[in-house]
Amino acid sequence: MTKRCLFVLMAVVALCLAASRAFASGQPPSEPVTLSIIDNYTSDDPKGKVKEEVFAAFMQKYPDIKIEDQVFKDLDIPTKVEVAYVAGKEPDVVFVNYFLTTFDWLKNGIVLPVNDYIKRWGLEGKLVEGGLITFTEADGRIASFPFEGYNWPIWYNMKIGKAAGIDRIPTTMDELLADIPKIRQAGFEPYVTAGNDGESHQEFDMFVMAFLTPDEVKKVFHDGDWSVPGAVKGVKLFVQMRDAGLFSKDTPGLTNQTKPEAYFKGNVFMQHGGSWAYSTTPDGMLADITLGGFPLPAGSTYAHPFWQVSFTGKGVWVTRNGAKKEDAVRKFVTFLYTPENIKKFVVQSSMISPLKGIDLAGETLNPLFVQSMKLDNLSVMTMPDPVIPSNVNLISLTKQFYLPGASGMSAEKMLDALTKLWAQAKQ
């Protein structure tokens, strides 16, 4: 037998042995698979660093599965996925917020319900009920695996408060109104938000939501009836507080990315900041921050200052293309949702866990995250995004609301513009 023949024979025997071992273990030989994933976790985001670590560990455990990860701004992801879907090239898995047009993804066939996956992949009974409820549609189908839970309080820099002669956080809008001139006279700004981005509508919505019952929320934010008295009252309060000097001079030009940077400079008393930002807070600032709710306006439908607690911050969605690679997606999802990996996200980025019973004993947690877990006497406000029609681009309008005084829009003009926005969407 020639050396060439001997080499070929040895190679064939090796392949047969490998195949026999695979089938003996009940697993057929694996074909290489590329798993296409889209998310918005950049490398400078605490969650981005954990994501990269988890993805690398996954590919090490499953060398036959390669993750192809693309990162986009959160507001851009729905459009990216929908355009790719039309061409049949949508990613297999998407990490994205439950907002904008993603509310229609299950209905439109862009993603598949995960009810059966939860049962078959061993996650039944392990996911937090609040997370499941968030993504459960009226027909009982669950649109996404809940992933990133969050709380979203108001941050009060009490170092600035003390410099302005304020020794408590404002719990009513009247207190806040009285605090504004004190803060400005001390050389600081009262409140900063991303007036040129998605937060523009979230901040505005809080003023309106403060006066609405659940039925009125649907009437205003779904039907577009901005004549509802509570909505009129909320818009007028927004304009009153804006023109009293509530918002920083930088607010109209800030984005979701630059707003935290503005707050962390240490010259603004308040911001509406989610738990995703706790881990990015400068160490020297941590002791100055007291977390609380949004000050309660007189006549509000809420009993206490309010904040948001939800899982709409991120879901893990499986597309029709992902369903074609079910075994690889199953391995990825079950690996991602192990207690060890979820704990990494919780500890390093202050994410509210989607898994029940995560043991954090002995872990060093961010002080703001710990503080937020102890907040009480706050009402939970559910933001109106789920009822806003997907073709109503509220952000495009609310970005115009933050210019103050004579250069800004009056309450009457805002209400007229809001009414027209919904009317155009119905055409």
Protein backbone atom coordinates (compact mmCIF):
# COMPACT_ATOMS: atom_id res chain seq x y z
CA MET A 1 0.00 0.00 0.00
CA THR A 2 1.41 3.40 -0.96
CA LYS A 3 1.84 6.19 1.53
CA ARG A 4 -0.84 8.18 -0.34
CA CYS A 5 -3.37 5.35 0.00
CA LEU A 6 -2.50 4.87 3.65
CA PHE A 7 -3.05 8.58 4.34
CA VAL A 8 -6.45 8.54 2.60
CA LEU A 9 -7.48 5.41 4.51
CA MET A 10 -6.48 6.94 7.85
CA ALA A 11 -8.46 10.12 7.05
CA VAL A 12 -11.57 8.10 6.17
CA VAL A 13 -11.28 6.06 9.37
CA ALA A 14 -10.92 9.24 11.44
CA LEU A 15 -14.03 10.76 9.88
CA CYS A 16 -16.00 7.57 10.46
CA LEU A 17 -14.92 7.43 14.10
CA ALA A 18 -15.94 11.07 14.62
CA ALA A 19 -19.31 10.45 13.02
CA SER A 20 -19.89 7.28 15.05
CA ARG A 21 -19.07 9.13 18.28
CA ALA A 22 -21.53 11.90 17.36
CA PHE A 23 -24.32 9.48 16.57
CA ALA A 24 -23.54 7.39 19.67
CA SER A 25 -24.12 10.52 21.75
CA GLY A 26 -27.46 11.06 20.02
CA GLN A 27 -26.21 14.09 18.09
CA PRO A 28 -25.65 14.11 14.32
CA PRO A 29 -22.52 15.86 13.06
CA SER A 30 -23.03 19.62 13.24
CA GLU A 31 -22.90 21.81 10.16
CA PRO A 32 -21.32 25.25 10.64
CA VAL A 33 -24.00 27.89 11.26
CA THR A 34 -23.79 31.69 11.20
CA LEU A 35 -26.17 33.37 13.61
CA SER A 36 -26.95 36.94 12.54
CA ILE A 37 -27.74 39.26 15.48
CA ILE A 38 -28.59 42.96 15.69
CA ASP A 39 -28.44 45.00 18.90
CA ASN A 40 -27.55 48.47 20.16
CA TYR A 41 -25.00 47.46 22.80
CA THR A 42 -21.83 49.38 21.92
CA SER A 43 -18.45 48.50 23.41
CA ASP A 44 -18.48 51.58 25.65
CA ASP A 45 -21.84 50.54 27.15
CA PRO A 46 -21.51 48.34 30.29
CA LYS A 47 -23.99 45.93 28.73
CA GLY A 48 -21.94 45.98 25.53
CA LYS A 49 -18.88 44.75 27.37
CA VAL A 50 -20.86 41.92 28.96
CA LYS A 51 -22.45 41.07 25.60
CA GLU A 52 -19.05 40.71 23.96
CA GLU A 53 -17.88 38.45 26.78
CA VAL A 54 -20.98 36.27 26.60
CA PHE A 55 -20.92 36.03 22.81
CA ALA A 56 -17.25 34.98 22.87
CA ALA A 57 -17.93 32.34 25.53
CA PHE A 58 -20.86 31.02 23.48
CA MET A 59 -18.76 30.61 20.34
CA GLN A 60 -16.07 28.88 22.38
CA LYS A 61 -18.65 26.41 23.70
CA TYR A 62 -20.23 25.95 20.27
CA PRO A 63 -17.40 26.32 17.74
CA ASP A 64 -19.74 25.27 14.93
CA ILE A 65 -21.86 28.43 15.49
CA LYS A 66 -20.47 31.82 14.51
CA ILE A 67 -22.17 34.99 15.74
CA GLU A 68 -22.27 37.81 13.23
CA ASP A 69 -23.14 40.84 15.38
CA GLN A 70 -24.23 44.23 14.03
CA VAL A 71 -24.69 47.25 16.29
CA PHE A 72 -27.01 50.16 15.45
CA LYS A 73 -28.65 53.02 17.31
CA ASP A 74 -31.81 51.77 19.02
CA LEU A 75 -34.10 54.11 17.06
CA ASP A 76 -32.63 52.83 13.78
CA ILE A 77 -33.03 49.10 14.47
CA PRO A 78 -36.76 48.76 13.60
CA THR A 79 -36.21 50.32 10.17
CA LYS A 80 -33.07 48.24 9.52
CA VAL A 81 -34.89 45.02 10.35
CA GLU A 82 -38.06 45.89 8.42
CA VAL A 83 -36.17 46.85 5.25
CA ALA A 84 -34.14 43.63 5.48
CA TYR A 85 -37.35 41.63 6.05
CA VAL A 86 -38.83 42.83 2.76
CA ALA A 87 -35.74 41.47 1.02
CA GLY A 88 -35.88 38.22 3.02
CA LYS A 89 -32.57 39.06 4.69
CA GLU A 90 -33.58 40.03 8.22
CA PRO A 91 -31.22 38.93 11.03
CA ASP A 92 -31.95 35.74 12.97
CA VAL A 93 -32.14 37.35 16.41
CA VAL A 94 -32.78 40.97 17.38
CA PHE A 95 -32.16 42.69 20.71
CA VAL A 96 -34.42 45.75 20.65
CA ASN A 97 -36.80 47.80 22.75
CA TYR A 98 -40.55 47.22 22.70
CA PHE A 99 -41.45 50.51 21.04
CA LEU A 100 -42.24 52.24 17.75
CA THR A 101 -43.09 49.72 15.02
CA THR A 102 -41.84 46.71 17.00
CA PHE A 103 -45.32 46.62 18.55
CA ASP A 104 -46.50 45.37 15.13
CA TRP A 105 -43.70 42.91 14.42
CA LEU A 106 -45.56 39.80 15.56
CA LYS A 107 -48.74 40.83 13.77
CA ASN A 108 -46.79 41.52 10.58
CA GLY A 109 -44.88 38.23 10.65
CA ILE A 110 -41.45 39.80 11.10
CA VAL A 111 -40.94 37.77 14.28
CA LEU A 112 -42.42 34.55 15.64
CA PRO A 113 -44.16 34.09 19.00
CA VAL A 114 -41.89 32.54 21.62
CA ASN A 115 -44.54 30.71 23.69
CA ASP A 116 -43.54 27.26 22.42
CA TYR A 117 -39.84 28.08 22.60
CA ILE A 118 -40.19 29.00 26.28
CA LYS A 119 -41.74 25.58 26.97
CA ARG A 120 -39.50 23.46 24.76
CA TRP A 121 -36.27 25.21 25.69
CA GLY A 122 -36.63 24.79 29.43
CA LEU A 123 -37.43 28.40 30.34
CA GLU A 124 -40.99 27.86 31.52
CA GLY A 125 -41.41 29.09 35.10
CA LYS A 126 -37.98 30.73 35.12
CA LEU A 127 -38.84 34.12 33.60
CA VAL A 128 -40.14 37.04 35.66
CA GLU A 129 -43.92 37.37 35.27
CA GLY A 130 -43.71 41.13 34.73
CA GLY A 131 -41.41 40.58 31.78
CA LEU A 132 -43.68 38.00 30.19
CA ILE A 133 -46.74 40.21 30.67
CA THR A 134 -44.92 43.10 28.98
CA PHE A 135 -44.50 41.14 25.75
CA THR A 136 -47.80 39.23 25.83
CA GLU A 137 -50.25 40.45 23.22
CA ALA A 138 -54.05 40.46 23.48
CA ASP A 139 -54.32 37.02 21.80
CA GLY A 140 -51.91 35.47 24.32
CA ARG A 141 -48.92 35.22 22.00
CA ILE A 142 -45.61 36.35 23.49
CA ALA A 143 -43.72 38.51 21.01
CA SER A 144 -40.25 38.27 22.52
CA PHE A 145 -38.17 36.82 25.32
CA PRO A 146 -38.07 39.57 27.98
CA PHE A 147 -34.47 40.56 28.58
CA GLU A 148 -33.61 44.01 29.85
CA GLY A 149 -35.73 45.12 32.75
CA TYR A 150 -35.24 48.62 34.09
CA ASN A 151 -36.41 51.20 36.55
CA TRP A 152 -36.47 54.86 35.59
CA PRO A 153 -36.46 57.37 38.44
CA ILE A 154 -35.64 61.05 38.66
CA TRP A 155 -32.07 61.77 39.78
CA TYR A 156 -31.58 64.68 42.18
CA ASN A 157 -28.06 66.05 42.68
CA MET A 158 -28.32 67.11 46.33
CA LYS A 159 -24.90 68.76 46.23
CA ILE A 160 -26.54 71.31 43.93
CA GLY A 161 -29.68 71.28 46.06
CA LYS A 162 -27.72 72.24 49.17
CA ALA A 163 -25.85 74.96 47.28
CA ALA A 164 -29.25 76.37 46.31
CA GLY A 165 -30.62 76.12 49.85
CA ILE A 166 -32.78 73.07 49.13
CA ASP A 167 -32.56 70.31 51.73
CA ARG A 168 -35.13 67.88 50.28
CA ILE A 169 -36.11 66.51 46.92
CA PRO A 170 -39.27 68.11 45.51
CA THR A 171 -42.22 65.74 45.76
CA THR A 172 -44.82 68.13 44.32
CA MET A 173 -44.79 70.30 41.21
CA ASP A 174 -45.41 73.37 43.38
CA GLU A 175 -42.22 72.63 45.32
CA LEU A 176 -40.29 72.20 42.08
CA LEU A 177 -41.69 75.45 40.71
CA ALA A 178 -40.46 77.24 43.84
CA ASP A 179 -37.04 75.56 43.54
CA ILE A 180 -36.34 76.65 39.95
CA PRO A 181 -35.31 80.27 40.70
CA LYS A 182 -33.22 79.15 43.68
CA ILE A 183 -31.29 76.70 41.52
CA ARG A 184 -30.74 79.24 38.77
CA GLN A 185 -29.68 81.96 41.23
CA ALA A 186 -27.07 79.54 42.59
CA GLY A 187 -25.64 79.22 39.07
CA PHE A 188 -27.05 75.82 38.13
CA GLU A 189 -29.62 74.37 35.72
CA PRO A 190 -32.75 72.70 37.14
CA TYR A 191 -33.44 69.83 34.70
CA VAL A 192 -31.89 68.34 31.59
CA THR A 193 -33.36 65.99 29.03
CA ALA A 194 -32.72 64.90 25.45
CA GLY A 195 -34.90 67.46 23.73
CA ASN A 196 -33.64 66.44 20.29
CA ASP A 197 -34.26 62.70 20.59
CA GLY A 198 -36.60 60.01 21.86
CA GLU A 199 -36.62 61.32 25.42
CA SER A 200 -38.34 64.46 24.15
CA HIS A 201 -41.63 62.62 23.92
CA GLN A 202 -41.11 60.55 27.08
CA GLU A 203 -40.57 63.63 29.22
CA PHE A 204 -43.50 65.43 27.63
CA ASP A 205 -45.72 62.36 28.05
CA MET A 206 -45.19 62.34 31.81
CA PHE A 207 -46.80 65.75 32.17
CA VAL A 208 -49.84 64.56 30.22
CA MET A 209 -50.05 61.09 31.77
CA ALA A 210 -50.09 62.64 35.23
CA PHE A 211 -53.70 63.71 34.68
CA LEU A 212 -55.14 60.74 32.75
CA THR A 213 -57.08 57.67 33.80
CA PRO A 214 -56.28 54.39 31.98
CA ASP A 215 -59.30 54.82 29.71
CA GLU A 216 -58.28 58.39 28.93
CA VAL A 217 -54.74 57.25 28.05
CA LYS A 218 -56.21 55.21 25.18
CA LYS A 219 -58.50 58.04 24.15
CA VAL A 220 -55.61 60.51 23.96
CA PHE A 221 -52.61 58.46 22.85
CA HIS A 222 -54.41 55.92 20.67
CA ASP A 223 -57.38 57.84 19.30
CA GLY A 224 -55.65 61.22 19.24
CA ASP A 225 -58.34 63.09 21.17
CA TRP A 226 -56.29 65.92 22.63
CA SER A 227 -59.41 67.73 23.84
CA VAL A 228 -59.58 65.42 26.88
CA PRO A 229 -59.36 67.81 29.89
CA GLY A 230 -56.49 65.92 31.50
CA ALA A 231 -54.44 66.12 28.30
CA VAL A 232 -55.07 69.85 28.01
CA LYS A 233 -54.09 70.29 31.65
CA GLY A 234 -50.87 68.31 31.15
CA VAL A 235 -49.81 70.27 28.06
CA LYS A 236 -50.44 73.55 29.84
CA LEU A 237 -48.40 72.40 32.84
CA PHE A 238 -45.53 71.42 30.55
CA VAL A 239 -45.51 74.88 28.97
CA GLN A 240 -45.79 76.58 32.38
CA MET A 241 -42.79 74.66 33.77
CA ARG A 242 -40.79 75.07 30.56
CA ASP A 243 -41.33 78.83 30.50
CA ALA A 244 -40.55 79.06 34.23
CA GLY A 245 -37.05 77.87 33.34
CA LEU A 246 -37.25 74.17 34.22
CA PHE A 247 -35.20 72.83 31.32
CA SER A 248 -31.52 73.55 30.81
CA LYS A 249 -30.46 75.81 27.96
CA ASP A 250 -28.81 72.80 26.28
CA THR A 251 -31.93 70.61 26.33
CA PRO A 252 -33.28 71.47 22.82
CA GLY A 253 -30.10 70.20 21.17
CA LEU A 254 -29.29 67.13 23.29
CA THR A 255 -29.64 63.50 22.18
CA ASN A 256 -30.10 60.37 24.27
CA GLN A 257 -26.32 59.96 24.15
CA THR A 258 -25.27 63.53 25.00
CA LYS A 259 -27.86 64.17 27.72
CA PRO A 260 -26.16 61.94 30.33
CA GLU A 261 -22.84 63.62 29.53
CA ALA A 262 -24.45 66.98 30.23
CA TYR A 263 -25.82 65.77 33.56
CA PHE A 264 -22.56 64.17 34.63
CA LYS A 265 -20.77 67.50 34.32
CA GLY A 266 -22.34 68.22 37.70
CA ASN A 267 -24.14 71.51 37.04
CA VAL A 268 -27.73 70.21 36.66
CA PHE A 269 -30.04 69.39 39.57
CA MET A 270 -32.36 66.82 37.90
CA GLN A 271 -32.50 64.27 35.14
CA HIS A 272 -34.84 61.42 34.26
CA GLY A 273 -32.32 58.60 34.13
CA GLY A 274 -32.86 54.85 33.80
CA SER A 275 -31.10 52.05 35.64
CA TRP A 276 -29.03 51.52 32.47
CA ALA A 277 -27.13 54.69 33.40
CA TYR A 278 -26.26 53.78 37.00
CA SER A 279 -23.04 52.03 36.00
CA THR A 280 -21.86 54.99 33.91
CA THR A 281 -22.13 57.52 36.76
CA PRO A 282 -18.77 59.06 37.74
CA ASP A 283 -17.60 57.64 41.07
CA GLY A 284 -17.22 61.09 42.58
CA MET A 285 -20.88 61.84 41.89
CA LEU A 286 -22.50 58.72 43.33
CA ALA A 287 -22.80 60.05 46.89
CA ASP A 288 -24.50 63.26 45.68
CA ILE A 289 -27.42 61.55 43.94
CA THR A 290 -30.76 60.91 45.60
CA LEU A 291 -33.26 58.97 43.51
CA GLY A 292 -36.97 59.71 43.62
CA GLY A 293 -40.13 60.09 41.59
CA PHE A 294 -41.41 62.77 39.24
CA PRO A 295 -42.95 65.54 41.40
CA LEU A 296 -46.70 65.14 41.69
CA PRO A 297 -48.86 67.88 40.11
CA ALA A 298 -51.96 69.07 41.93
CA GLY A 299 -55.01 67.17 40.68
CA SER A 300 -52.98 64.21 39.38
CA THR A 301 -54.62 60.81 38.94
CA TYR A 302 -51.62 59.29 40.74
CA ALA A 303 -51.36 59.05 44.52
CA HIS A 304 -47.58 59.51 44.78
CA PRO A 305 -44.65 60.87 42.77
CA PHE A 306 -44.17 58.43 39.92
CA TRP A 307 -41.51 56.49 38.04
CA GLN A 308 -41.38 53.76 35.41
CA VAL A 309 -40.56 50.10 36.02
CA SER A 310 -40.76 47.81 33.00
CA PHE A 311 -39.13 45.26 30.70
CA THR A 312 -39.74 47.21 27.49
CA GLY A 313 -36.05 48.18 27.62
CA LYS A 314 -35.09 45.16 25.55
CA GLY A 315 -36.46 41.90 24.28
CA VAL A 316 -34.74 39.04 22.44
CA TRP A 317 -36.79 38.57 19.27
CA VAL A 318 -36.67 35.53 16.94
CA THR A 319 -37.34 36.27 13.27
CA ARG A 320 -38.61 33.91 10.58
CA ASN A 321 -34.98 33.48 9.46
CA GLY A 322 -34.02 32.61 13.03
CA ALA A 323 -36.75 29.97 13.10
CA LYS A 324 -35.00 28.23 10.21
CA LYS A 325 -31.94 27.87 12.44
CA GLU A 326 -33.90 26.79 15.51
CA ASP A 327 -31.23 24.52 16.98
CA ALA A 328 -28.60 27.28 16.88
CA VAL A 329 -31.03 29.88 18.22
CA ARG A 330 -32.08 27.48 21.01
CA LYS A 331 -28.48 26.99 22.05
CA PHE A 332 -27.89 30.75 21.97
CA VAL A 333 -30.98 31.71 23.96
CA THR A 334 -30.55 29.03 26.62
CA PHE A 335 -26.87 29.97 26.99
CA LEU A 336 -27.74 33.67 27.28
CA TYR A 337 -30.40 32.99 29.92
CA THR A 338 -28.23 30.94 32.26
CA PRO A 339 -28.12 32.47 35.77
CA GLU A 340 -24.36 33.02 35.46
CA ASN A 341 -24.69 35.11 32.30
CA ILE A 342 -27.74 37.08 33.41
CA LYS A 343 -25.97 37.83 36.70
CA LYS A 344 -23.10 39.40 34.73
CA PHE A 345 -25.52 41.84 33.12
CA VAL A 346 -27.16 42.63 36.47
CA VAL A 347 -23.91 43.19 38.37
CA GLN A 348 -21.98 45.05 35.69
CA SER A 349 -24.79 47.15 34.18
CA SER A 350 -27.53 47.34 36.86
CA MET A 351 -30.01 45.58 34.58
CA ILE A 352 -33.18 44.29 36.23
CA SER A 353 -33.01 40.50 35.82
CA PRO A 354 -35.51 38.73 33.51
CA LEU A 355 -34.81 35.52 35.44
CA LYS A 356 -36.32 34.69 38.79
CA GLY A 357 -34.14 34.03 41.82
CA ILE A 358 -30.82 35.49 40.71
CA ASP A 359 -28.53 35.24 43.75
CA LEU A 360 -26.66 38.50 44.24
CA ALA A 361 -25.32 37.71 47.70
CA GLY A 362 -21.71 38.80 48.02
CA GLU A 363 -21.77 40.79 44.77
CA THR A 364 -20.59 44.40 44.67
CA LEU A 365 -23.52 46.33 43.25
CA ASN A 366 -23.72 49.90 42.05
CA PRO A 367 -24.90 52.16 44.93
CA LEU A 368 -27.59 53.78 42.78
CA PHE A 369 -28.91 50.37 41.77
CA VAL A 370 -29.08 49.39 45.45
CA GLN A 371 -30.79 52.68 46.29
CA SER A 372 -33.38 52.16 43.55
CA MET A 373 -34.27 48.73 44.92
CA LYS A 374 -35.27 50.38 48.20
CA LEU A 375 -37.51 53.09 46.77
CA ASP A 376 -41.06 53.05 48.05
CA ASN A 377 -44.04 55.40 48.21
CA LEU A 378 -43.82 55.85 44.45
CA SER A 379 -46.56 55.21 41.91
CA VAL A 380 -45.63 53.24 38.78
CA MET A 381 -46.50 55.04 35.57
CA THR A 382 -46.91 52.87 32.48
CA MET A 383 -45.74 54.90 29.52
CA PRO A 384 -48.27 55.23 26.66
CA ASP A 385 -46.02 53.84 23.90
CA PRO A 386 -47.91 50.52 23.53
CA VAL A 387 -51.15 52.30 22.57
CA ILE A 388 -49.64 54.93 20.24
CA PRO A 389 -50.29 53.90 16.60
CA SER A 390 -47.06 52.82 14.93
CA ASN A 391 -47.44 55.41 12.16
CA VAL A 392 -47.64 58.32 14.63
CA ASN A 393 -44.14 59.79 14.82
CA LEU A 394 -44.57 61.66 18.08
CA ILE A 395 -40.84 62.24 18.50
CA SER A 396 -40.67 64.35 15.36
CA LEU A 397 -43.20 66.72 16.94
CA THR A 398 -42.12 66.79 20.59
CA LYS A 399 -38.59 67.74 19.56
CA GLN A 400 -40.10 71.14 18.76
CA PHE A 401 -41.58 71.61 22.23
CA TYR A 402 -38.48 72.51 24.23
CA LEU A 403 -37.70 76.00 22.96
CA PRO A 404 -38.88 78.31 25.77
CA GLY A 405 -40.79 81.59 25.88
CA ALA A 406 -41.58 83.58 22.76
CA SER A 407 -39.49 81.28 20.55
CA GLY A 408 -41.36 78.19 21.73
CA MET A 409 -44.78 76.74 20.96
CA SER A 410 -47.74 77.73 23.09
CA ALA A 411 -49.97 75.09 24.69
CA GLU A 412 -52.68 75.87 22.16
CA LYS A 413 -50.33 75.36 19.20
CA MET A 414 -49.03 72.12 20.72
CA LEU A 415 -52.54 70.73 21.16
CA ASP A 416 -53.43 71.70 17.59
CA ALA A 417 -50.26 70.10 16.22
CA LEU A 418 -50.85 66.92 18.23
CA THR A 419 -54.43 66.65 16.98
CA LYS A 420 -53.27 67.08 13.38
CA LEU A 421 -50.51 64.48 13.82
CA TRP A 422 -53.03 61.78 14.76
CA ALA A 423 -55.48 62.92 12.07
CA GLN A 424 -52.80 62.58 9.38
CA ALA A 425 -51.96 59.08 10.63
CA LYS A 426 -55.59 58.02 10.15
CA GLN A 427 -55.68 59.12 6.50
